[in-house]
Full PDB file with SEQRES, HELIX, SHEET, SSBOND, CRYST1, ORIGX, SCALE, CONECT and MASTER records, all heavy atoms in Angstrom:
SEQRES   1 A   31  ALA SER SER LEU LYS VAL VAL ASP ILE SER GLY GLY CYS          
SEQRES   2 A   31  GLY ALA MET TYR GLU ILE HIS ILE GLU SER SER GLU PHE          
SEQRES   3 A   31  LYS GLY LYS ARG THR                                          
HELIX    1 AA1 SER A   24  PHE A   26  5                                   3    
SHEET    1 AA1 2 SER A   3  ASP A   8  0                                        
SHEET    2 AA1 2 TYR A  17  GLU A  22 -1                                        
CRYST1    1.000    1.000    1.000  90.00  90.00  90.00 P 1           1          
ORIGX1      1.000000  0.000000  0.000000        0.00000                         
ORIGX2      0.000000  1.000000  0.000000        0.00000                         
ORIGX3      0.000000  0.000000  1.000000        0.00000                         
SCALE1      1.000000  0.000000  0.000000        0.00000                         
SCALE2      0.000000  1.000000  0.000000        0.00000                         
SCALE3      0.000000  0.000000  1.000000        0.00000                         
ATOM      1  N   ALA A   1      -9.263  -6.913 -21.707  1.00  0.00           N  
ATOM      2  CA  ALA A   1      -9.406  -5.740 -20.838  1.00  0.00           C  
ATOM      3  C   ALA A   1      -8.074  -5.409 -20.183  1.00  0.00           C  
ATOM      4  O   ALA A   1      -7.450  -6.259 -19.556  1.00  0.00           O  
ATOM      5  CB  ALA A   1     -10.473  -5.984 -19.784  1.00  0.00           C  
ATOM      6  N   SER A   2      -7.646  -4.165 -20.340  1.00  0.00           N  
ATOM      7  CA  SER A   2      -6.388  -3.730 -19.731  1.00  0.00           C  
ATOM      8  C   SER A   2      -6.608  -3.146 -18.347  1.00  0.00           C  
ATOM      9  O   SER A   2      -5.661  -3.008 -17.574  1.00  0.00           O  
ATOM     10  CB  SER A   2      -5.703  -2.700 -20.633  1.00  0.00           C  
ATOM     11  OG  SER A   2      -6.574  -1.611 -20.874  1.00  0.00           O  
ATOM     12  N   SER A   3      -7.855  -2.818 -18.040  1.00  0.00           N  
ATOM     13  CA  SER A   3      -8.185  -2.267 -16.731  1.00  0.00           C  
ATOM     14  C   SER A   3      -9.613  -2.655 -16.377  1.00  0.00           C  
ATOM     15  O   SER A   3     -10.507  -2.586 -17.228  1.00  0.00           O  
ATOM     16  CB  SER A   3      -8.039  -0.745 -16.773  1.00  0.00           C  
ATOM     17  OG  SER A   3      -8.440  -0.177 -15.560  1.00  0.00           O  
ATOM     18  N   LEU A   4      -9.818  -3.074 -15.135  1.00  0.00           N  
ATOM     19  CA  LEU A   4     -11.152  -3.464 -14.684  1.00  0.00           C  
ATOM     20  C   LEU A   4     -11.276  -3.176 -13.190  1.00  0.00           C  
ATOM     21  O   LEU A   4     -10.396  -3.557 -12.412  1.00  0.00           O  
ATOM     22  CB  LEU A   4     -11.394  -4.948 -14.939  1.00  0.00           C  
ATOM     23  CG  LEU A   4     -12.689  -5.534 -14.390  1.00  0.00           C  
ATOM     24  CD1 LEU A   4     -13.916  -4.882 -15.030  1.00  0.00           C  
ATOM     25  CD2 LEU A   4     -12.720  -7.033 -14.597  1.00  0.00           C  
ATOM     26  N   LYS A   5     -12.338  -2.489 -12.832  1.00  0.00           N  
ATOM     27  CA  LYS A   5     -12.602  -2.194 -11.423  1.00  0.00           C  
ATOM     28  C   LYS A   5     -14.097  -2.335 -11.174  1.00  0.00           C  
ATOM     29  O   LYS A   5     -14.908  -1.766 -11.890  1.00  0.00           O  
ATOM     30  CB  LYS A   5     -12.142  -0.769 -11.095  1.00  0.00           C  
ATOM     31  CG  LYS A   5     -12.323  -0.366  -9.652  1.00  0.00           C  
ATOM     32  CD  LYS A   5     -11.660   0.979  -9.409  1.00  0.00           C  
ATOM     33  CE  LYS A   5     -12.625   1.929  -8.769  1.00  0.00           C  
ATOM     34  NZ  LYS A   5     -12.095   3.267  -8.546  1.00  0.00           N  
ATOM     35  N   VAL A   6     -14.450  -3.127 -10.171  1.00  0.00           N  
ATOM     36  CA  VAL A   6     -15.848  -3.323  -9.772  1.00  0.00           C  
ATOM     37  C   VAL A   6     -15.959  -2.925  -8.309  1.00  0.00           C  
ATOM     38  O   VAL A   6     -15.219  -3.431  -7.470  1.00  0.00           O  
ATOM     39  CB  VAL A   6     -16.285  -4.799  -9.944  1.00  0.00           C  
ATOM     40  CG1 VAL A   6     -17.721  -4.989  -9.491  1.00  0.00           C  
ATOM     41  CG2 VAL A   6     -16.108  -5.248 -11.387  1.00  0.00           C  
ATOM     42  N   VAL A   7     -16.891  -2.008  -8.004  1.00  0.00           N  
ATOM     43  CA  VAL A   7     -17.048  -1.515  -6.640  1.00  0.00           C  
ATOM     44  C   VAL A   7     -18.522  -1.510  -6.253  1.00  0.00           C  
ATOM     45  O   VAL A   7     -19.371  -1.004  -7.002  1.00  0.00           O  
ATOM     46  CB  VAL A   7     -16.491  -0.083  -6.496  1.00  0.00           C  
ATOM     47  CG1 VAL A   7     -16.659   0.430  -5.072  1.00  0.00           C  
ATOM     48  CG2 VAL A   7     -15.027  -0.029  -6.906  1.00  0.00           C  
ATOM     49  N   ASP A   8     -18.817  -2.080  -5.098  1.00  0.00           N  
ATOM     50  CA  ASP A   8     -20.164  -2.019  -4.522  1.00  0.00           C  
ATOM     51  C   ASP A   8     -20.322  -0.619  -3.934  1.00  0.00           C  
ATOM     52  O   ASP A   8     -19.672  -0.287  -2.946  1.00  0.00           O  
ATOM     53  CB  ASP A   8     -20.315  -3.085  -3.437  1.00  0.00           C  
ATOM     54  CG  ASP A   8     -21.688  -3.086  -2.779  1.00  0.00           C  
ATOM     55  OD1 ASP A   8     -22.450  -2.119  -2.967  1.00  0.00           O  
ATOM     56  OD2 ASP A   8     -21.980  -4.051  -2.060  1.00  0.00           O  
ATOM     57  N   ILE A   9     -21.159   0.210  -4.547  1.00  0.00           N  
ATOM     58  CA  ILE A   9     -21.335   1.588  -4.078  1.00  0.00           C  
ATOM     59  C   ILE A   9     -22.618   1.745  -3.263  1.00  0.00           C  
ATOM     60  O   ILE A   9     -23.061   2.853  -2.992  1.00  0.00           O  
ATOM     61  CB  ILE A   9     -21.304   2.595  -5.249  1.00  0.00           C  
ATOM     62  CG1 ILE A   9     -22.360   2.275  -6.298  1.00  0.00           C  
ATOM     63  CG2 ILE A   9     -19.913   2.646  -5.861  1.00  0.00           C  
ATOM     64  CD1 ILE A   9     -22.505   3.330  -7.372  1.00  0.00           C  
ATOM     65  N   SER A  10     -23.176   0.620  -2.842  1.00  0.00           N  
ATOM     66  CA  SER A  10     -24.423   0.665  -2.062  1.00  0.00           C  
ATOM     67  C   SER A  10     -24.148   0.610  -0.566  1.00  0.00           C  
ATOM     68  O   SER A  10     -25.067   0.478   0.221  1.00  0.00           O  
ATOM     69  CB  SER A  10     -25.326  -0.499  -2.454  1.00  0.00           C  
ATOM     70  OG  SER A  10     -24.718  -1.732  -2.122  1.00  0.00           O  
ATOM     71  N   GLY A  11     -22.895   0.673  -0.189  1.00  0.00           N  
ATOM     72  CA  GLY A  11     -22.563   0.589   1.223  1.00  0.00           C  
ATOM     73  C   GLY A  11     -22.363  -0.834   1.703  1.00  0.00           C  
ATOM     74  O   GLY A  11     -22.346  -1.104   2.892  1.00  0.00           O  
ATOM     75  N   GLY A  12     -22.257  -1.763   0.765  1.00  0.00           N  
ATOM     76  CA  GLY A  12     -21.977  -3.143   1.130  1.00  0.00           C  
ATOM     77  C   GLY A  12     -23.148  -4.097   1.014  1.00  0.00           C  
ATOM     78  O   GLY A  12     -22.988  -5.297   1.199  1.00  0.00           O  
ATOM     79  N   CYS A  13     -24.336  -3.585   0.693  1.00  0.00           N  
ATOM     80  CA  CYS A  13     -25.498  -4.482   0.628  1.00  0.00           C  
ATOM     81  C   CYS A  13     -25.650  -5.149  -0.743  1.00  0.00           C  
ATOM     82  O   CYS A  13     -26.472  -6.039  -0.909  1.00  0.00           O  
ATOM     83  CB  CYS A  13     -26.774  -3.744   1.024  1.00  0.00           C  
ATOM     84  SG  CYS A  13     -27.354  -2.547  -0.178  1.00  0.00           S  
ATOM     85  N   GLY A  14     -24.864  -4.727  -1.739  1.00  0.00           N  
ATOM     86  CA  GLY A  14     -24.905  -5.373  -3.043  1.00  0.00           C  
ATOM     87  C   GLY A  14     -26.030  -4.912  -3.953  1.00  0.00           C  
ATOM     88  O   GLY A  14     -26.367  -5.581  -4.911  1.00  0.00           O  
ATOM     89  N   ALA A  15     -26.607  -3.749  -3.665  1.00  0.00           N  
ATOM     90  CA  ALA A  15     -27.730  -3.266  -4.469  1.00  0.00           C  
ATOM     91  C   ALA A  15     -27.292  -2.435  -5.667  1.00  0.00           C  
ATOM     92  O   ALA A  15     -27.995  -2.354  -6.663  1.00  0.00           O  
ATOM     93  CB  ALA A  15     -28.681  -2.446  -3.603  1.00  0.00           C  
ATOM     94  N   MET A  16     -26.097  -1.824  -5.595  1.00  0.00           N  
ATOM     95  CA  MET A  16     -25.651  -0.962  -6.689  1.00  0.00           C  
ATOM     96  C   MET A  16     -24.137  -1.080  -6.856  1.00  0.00           C  
ATOM     97  O   MET A  16     -23.395  -1.086  -5.877  1.00  0.00           O  
ATOM     98  CB  MET A  16     -26.028   0.494  -6.419  1.00  0.00           C  
ATOM     99  CG  MET A  16     -25.759   1.399  -7.584  1.00  0.00           C  
ATOM    100  SD  MET A  16     -26.685   2.930  -7.403  1.00  0.00           S  
ATOM    101  CE  MET A  16     -26.176   3.764  -8.884  1.00  0.00           C  
ATOM    102  N   TYR A  17     -23.710  -1.167  -8.095  1.00  0.00           N  
ATOM    103  CA  TYR A  17     -22.293  -1.331  -8.403  1.00  0.00           C  
ATOM    104  C   TYR A  17     -21.843  -0.291  -9.410  1.00  0.00           C  
ATOM    105  O   TYR A  17     -22.636   0.216 -10.203  1.00  0.00           O  
ATOM    106  CB  TYR A  17     -22.031  -2.733  -8.981  1.00  0.00           C  
ATOM    107  CG  TYR A  17     -22.174  -3.804  -7.953  1.00  0.00           C  
ATOM    108  CD1 TYR A  17     -23.411  -4.370  -7.680  1.00  0.00           C  
ATOM    109  CD2 TYR A  17     -21.086  -4.236  -7.218  1.00  0.00           C  
ATOM    110  CE1 TYR A  17     -23.559  -5.339  -6.710  1.00  0.00           C  
ATOM    111  CE2 TYR A  17     -21.217  -5.207  -6.244  1.00  0.00           C  
ATOM    112  CZ  TYR A  17     -22.463  -5.757  -5.997  1.00  0.00           C  
ATOM    113  OH  TYR A  17     -22.597  -6.713  -5.025  1.00  0.00           O  
ATOM    114  N   GLU A  18     -20.544  -0.022  -9.362  1.00  0.00           N  
ATOM    115  CA  GLU A  18     -19.909   0.843 -10.342  1.00  0.00           C  
ATOM    116  C   GLU A  18     -18.815   0.024 -11.010  1.00  0.00           C  
ATOM    117  O   GLU A  18     -18.013  -0.617 -10.321  1.00  0.00           O  
ATOM    118  CB  GLU A  18     -19.330   2.072  -9.655  1.00  0.00           C  
ATOM    119  CG  GLU A  18     -18.741   3.069 -10.634  1.00  0.00           C  
ATOM    120  CD  GLU A  18     -18.406   4.382  -9.952  1.00  0.00           C  
ATOM    121  OE1 GLU A  18     -19.345   5.132  -9.617  1.00  0.00           O  
ATOM    122  OE2 GLU A  18     -17.206   4.632  -9.748  1.00  0.00           O  
ATOM    123  N   ILE A  19     -18.816   0.038 -12.330  1.00  0.00           N  
ATOM    124  CA  ILE A  19     -17.859  -0.748 -13.104  1.00  0.00           C  
ATOM    125  C   ILE A  19     -17.081   0.186 -14.024  1.00  0.00           C  
ATOM    126  O   ILE A  19     -17.670   0.987 -14.748  1.00  0.00           O  
ATOM    127  CB  ILE A  19     -18.585  -1.819 -13.946  1.00  0.00           C  
ATOM    128  CG1 ILE A  19     -19.243  -2.843 -13.019  1.00  0.00           C  
ATOM    129  CG2 ILE A  19     -17.630  -2.486 -14.922  1.00  0.00           C  
ATOM    130  CD1 ILE A  19     -20.176  -3.787 -13.728  1.00  0.00           C  
ATOM    131  N   HIS A  20     -15.766   0.065 -13.954  1.00  0.00           N  
ATOM    132  CA  HIS A  20     -14.873   0.768 -14.877  1.00  0.00           C  
ATOM    133  C   HIS A  20     -14.127  -0.310 -15.642  1.00  0.00           C  
ATOM    134  O   HIS A  20     -13.459  -1.151 -15.035  1.00  0.00           O  
ATOM    135  CB  HIS A  20     -13.864   1.630 -14.111  1.00  0.00           C  
ATOM    136  CG  HIS A  20     -14.490   2.753 -13.360  1.00  0.00           C  
ATOM    137  ND1 HIS A  20     -14.509   4.036 -13.847  1.00  0.00           N  
ATOM    138  CD2 HIS A  20     -15.128   2.790 -12.167  1.00  0.00           C  
ATOM    139  CE1 HIS A  20     -15.128   4.820 -12.976  1.00  0.00           C  
ATOM    140  NE2 HIS A  20     -15.509   4.082 -11.951  1.00  0.00           N  
ATOM    141  N   ILE A  21     -14.257  -0.285 -16.960  1.00  0.00           N  
ATOM    142  CA  ILE A  21     -13.559  -1.290 -17.764  1.00  0.00           C  
ATOM    143  C   ILE A  21     -12.984  -0.636 -19.017  1.00  0.00           C  
ATOM    144  O   ILE A  21     -13.654   0.135 -19.699  1.00  0.00           O  
ATOM    145  CB  ILE A  21     -14.486  -2.485 -18.115  1.00  0.00           C  
ATOM    146  CG1 ILE A  21     -13.732  -3.552 -18.904  1.00  0.00           C  
ATOM    147  CG2 ILE A  21     -15.733  -2.030 -18.819  1.00  0.00           C  
ATOM    148  CD1 ILE A  21     -14.474  -4.875 -19.034  1.00  0.00           C  
ATOM    149  N   GLU A  22     -11.728  -0.948 -19.270  1.00  0.00           N  
ATOM    150  CA  GLU A  22     -11.030  -0.442 -20.446  1.00  0.00           C  
ATOM    151  C   GLU A  22     -10.586  -1.648 -21.263  1.00  0.00           C  
ATOM    152  O   GLU A  22      -9.887  -2.520 -20.753  1.00  0.00           O  
ATOM    153  CB  GLU A  22      -9.818   0.374 -19.996  1.00  0.00           C  
ATOM    154  CG  GLU A  22      -9.085   1.044 -21.117  1.00  0.00           C  
ATOM    155  CD  GLU A  22      -7.949   1.891 -20.589  1.00  0.00           C  
ATOM    156  OE1 GLU A  22      -8.210   2.996 -20.089  1.00  0.00           O  
ATOM    157  OE2 GLU A  22      -6.777   1.432 -20.683  1.00  0.00           O  
ATOM    158  N   SER A  23     -11.025  -1.700 -22.514  1.00  0.00           N  
ATOM    159  CA  SER A  23     -10.689  -2.853 -23.342  1.00  0.00           C  
ATOM    160  C   SER A  23     -10.624  -2.463 -24.813  1.00  0.00           C  
ATOM    161  O   SER A  23     -11.443  -1.669 -25.303  1.00  0.00           O  
ATOM    162  CB  SER A  23     -11.753  -3.952 -23.169  1.00  0.00           C  
ATOM    163  OG  SER A  23     -11.454  -5.048 -24.011  1.00  0.00           O  
ATOM    164  N   SER A  24      -9.675  -3.047 -25.509  1.00  0.00           N  
ATOM    165  CA  SER A  24      -9.567  -2.811 -26.953  1.00  0.00           C  
ATOM    166  C   SER A  24     -10.755  -3.424 -27.694  1.00  0.00           C  
ATOM    167  O   SER A  24     -11.017  -3.081 -28.843  1.00  0.00           O  
ATOM    168  CB  SER A  24      -8.244  -3.377 -27.483  1.00  0.00           C  
ATOM    169  OG  SER A  24      -8.166  -4.758 -27.212  1.00  0.00           O  
ATOM    170  N   GLU A  25     -11.491  -4.294 -27.025  1.00  0.00           N  
ATOM    171  CA  GLU A  25     -12.676  -4.900 -27.634  1.00  0.00           C  
ATOM    172  C   GLU A  25     -13.793  -3.872 -27.856  1.00  0.00           C  
ATOM    173  O   GLU A  25     -14.734  -4.121 -28.600  1.00  0.00           O  
ATOM    174  CB  GLU A  25     -13.191  -6.048 -26.752  1.00  0.00           C  
ATOM    175  CG  GLU A  25     -12.209  -7.215 -26.762  1.00  0.00           C  
ATOM    176  CD  GLU A  25     -12.268  -8.048 -25.500  1.00  0.00           C  
ATOM    177  OE1 GLU A  25     -12.055  -7.490 -24.404  1.00  0.00           O  
ATOM    178  OE2 GLU A  25     -12.508  -9.258 -25.623  1.00  0.00           O  
ATOM    179  N   PHE A  26     -13.674  -2.707 -27.241  1.00  0.00           N  
ATOM    180  CA  PHE A  26     -14.657  -1.642 -27.418  1.00  0.00           C  
ATOM    181  C   PHE A  26     -14.325  -0.728 -28.595  1.00  0.00           C  
ATOM    182  O   PHE A  26     -15.116   0.137 -28.953  1.00  0.00           O  
ATOM    183  CB  PHE A  26     -14.763  -0.784 -26.154  1.00  0.00           C  
ATOM    184  CG  PHE A  26     -15.263  -1.525 -24.949  1.00  0.00           C  
ATOM    185  CD1 PHE A  26     -14.689  -1.307 -23.712  1.00  0.00           C  
ATOM    186  CD2 PHE A  26     -16.308  -2.442 -25.031  1.00  0.00           C  
ATOM    187  CE1 PHE A  26     -15.137  -1.963 -22.578  1.00  0.00           C  
ATOM    188  CE2 PHE A  26     -16.768  -3.111 -23.912  1.00  0.00           C  
ATOM    189  CZ  PHE A  26     -16.188  -2.869 -22.682  1.00  0.00           C  
ATOM    190  N   LYS A  27     -13.154  -0.929 -29.192  1.00  0.00           N  
ATOM    191  CA  LYS A  27     -12.709  -0.056 -30.280  1.00  0.00           C  
ATOM    192  C   LYS A  27     -13.720  -0.068 -31.433  1.00  0.00           C  
ATOM    193  O   LYS A  27     -14.189  -1.123 -31.857  1.00  0.00           O  
ATOM    194  CB  LYS A  27     -11.340  -0.494 -30.785  1.00  0.00           C  
ATOM    195  CG  LYS A  27     -10.728   0.476 -31.761  1.00  0.00           C  
ATOM    196  CD  LYS A  27      -9.309   0.096 -32.107  1.00  0.00           C  
ATOM    197  CE  LYS A  27      -8.730   1.166 -33.016  1.00  0.00           C  
ATOM    198  NZ  LYS A  27      -7.341   0.920 -33.310  1.00  0.00           N  
ATOM    199  N   GLY A  28     -14.063   1.128 -31.898  1.00  0.00           N  
ATOM    200  CA  GLY A  28     -14.994   1.260 -33.015  1.00  0.00           C  
ATOM    201  C   GLY A  28     -16.459   1.203 -32.611  1.00  0.00           C  
ATOM    202  O   GLY A  28     -17.342   1.345 -33.453  1.00  0.00           O  
ATOM    203  N   LYS A  29     -16.733   0.997 -31.338  1.00  0.00           N  
ATOM    204  CA  LYS A  29     -18.121   0.928 -30.859  1.00  0.00           C  
ATOM    205  C   LYS A  29     -18.468   2.214 -30.126  1.00  0.00           C  
ATOM    206  O   LYS A  29     -17.642   2.792 -29.428  1.00  0.00           O  
ATOM    207  CB  LYS A  29     -18.295  -0.270 -29.934  1.00  0.00           C  
ATOM    208  CG  LYS A  29     -18.158  -1.600 -30.649  1.00  0.00           C  
ATOM    209  CD  LYS A  29     -18.338  -2.748 -29.681  1.00  0.00           C  
ATOM    210  CE  LYS A  29     -18.335  -4.090 -30.364  1.00  0.00           C  
ATOM    211  NZ  LYS A  29     -17.289  -4.338 -31.299  1.00  0.00           N  
ATOM    212  N   ARG A  30     -19.702   2.657 -30.305  1.00  0.00           N  
ATOM    213  CA  ARG A  30     -20.181   3.821 -29.557  1.00  0.00           C  
ATOM    214  C   ARG A  30     -20.337   3.450 -28.090  1.00  0.00           C  
ATOM    215  O   ARG A  30     -20.434   2.266 -27.748  1.00  0.00           O  
ATOM    216  CB  ARG A  30     -21.525   4.294 -30.130  1.00  0.00           C  
ATOM    217  CG  ARG A  30     -21.398   4.840 -31.561  1.00  0.00           C  
ATOM    218  CD  ARG A  30     -22.734   5.164 -32.146  1.00  0.00           C  
ATOM    219  NE  ARG A  30     -23.491   3.902 -32.199  1.00  0.00           N  
ATOM    220  CZ  ARG A  30     -24.810   3.809 -32.155  1.00  0.00           C  
ATOM    221  NH1 ARG A  30     -25.550   4.873 -32.072  1.00  0.00           N  
ATOM    222  NH2 ARG A  30     -25.408   2.643 -32.205  1.00  0.00           N  
ATOM    223  N   THR A  31     -20.382   4.458 -27.242  1.00  0.00           N  
ATOM    224  CA  THR A  31     -20.497   4.221 -25.800  1.00  0.00           C  
ATOM    225  C   THR A  31     -21.707   3.363 -25.469  1.00  0.00           C  
ATOM    226  O   THR A  31     -21.617   2.435 -24.663  1.00  0.00           O  
ATOM    227  CB  THR A  31     -20.569   5.563 -25.039  1.00  0.00           C  
ATOM    228  OG1 THR A  31     -19.393   6.321 -25.344  1.00  0.00           O  
ATOM    229  CG2 THR A  31     -20.648   5.351 -23.547  1.00  0.00           C  
TER     230      THR A  31                                                      
MASTER        0    0    0    1    2    0    0    6  229    1    0    3          
END                                                                             
């Protein structure tokens, strides 16, 4: 992974997260 970001978007209670990940391991795979 060349880029990775994990953010708790629930206001800090840990109920919902947003993940952004960029990796060459995804090459050739559909979303």
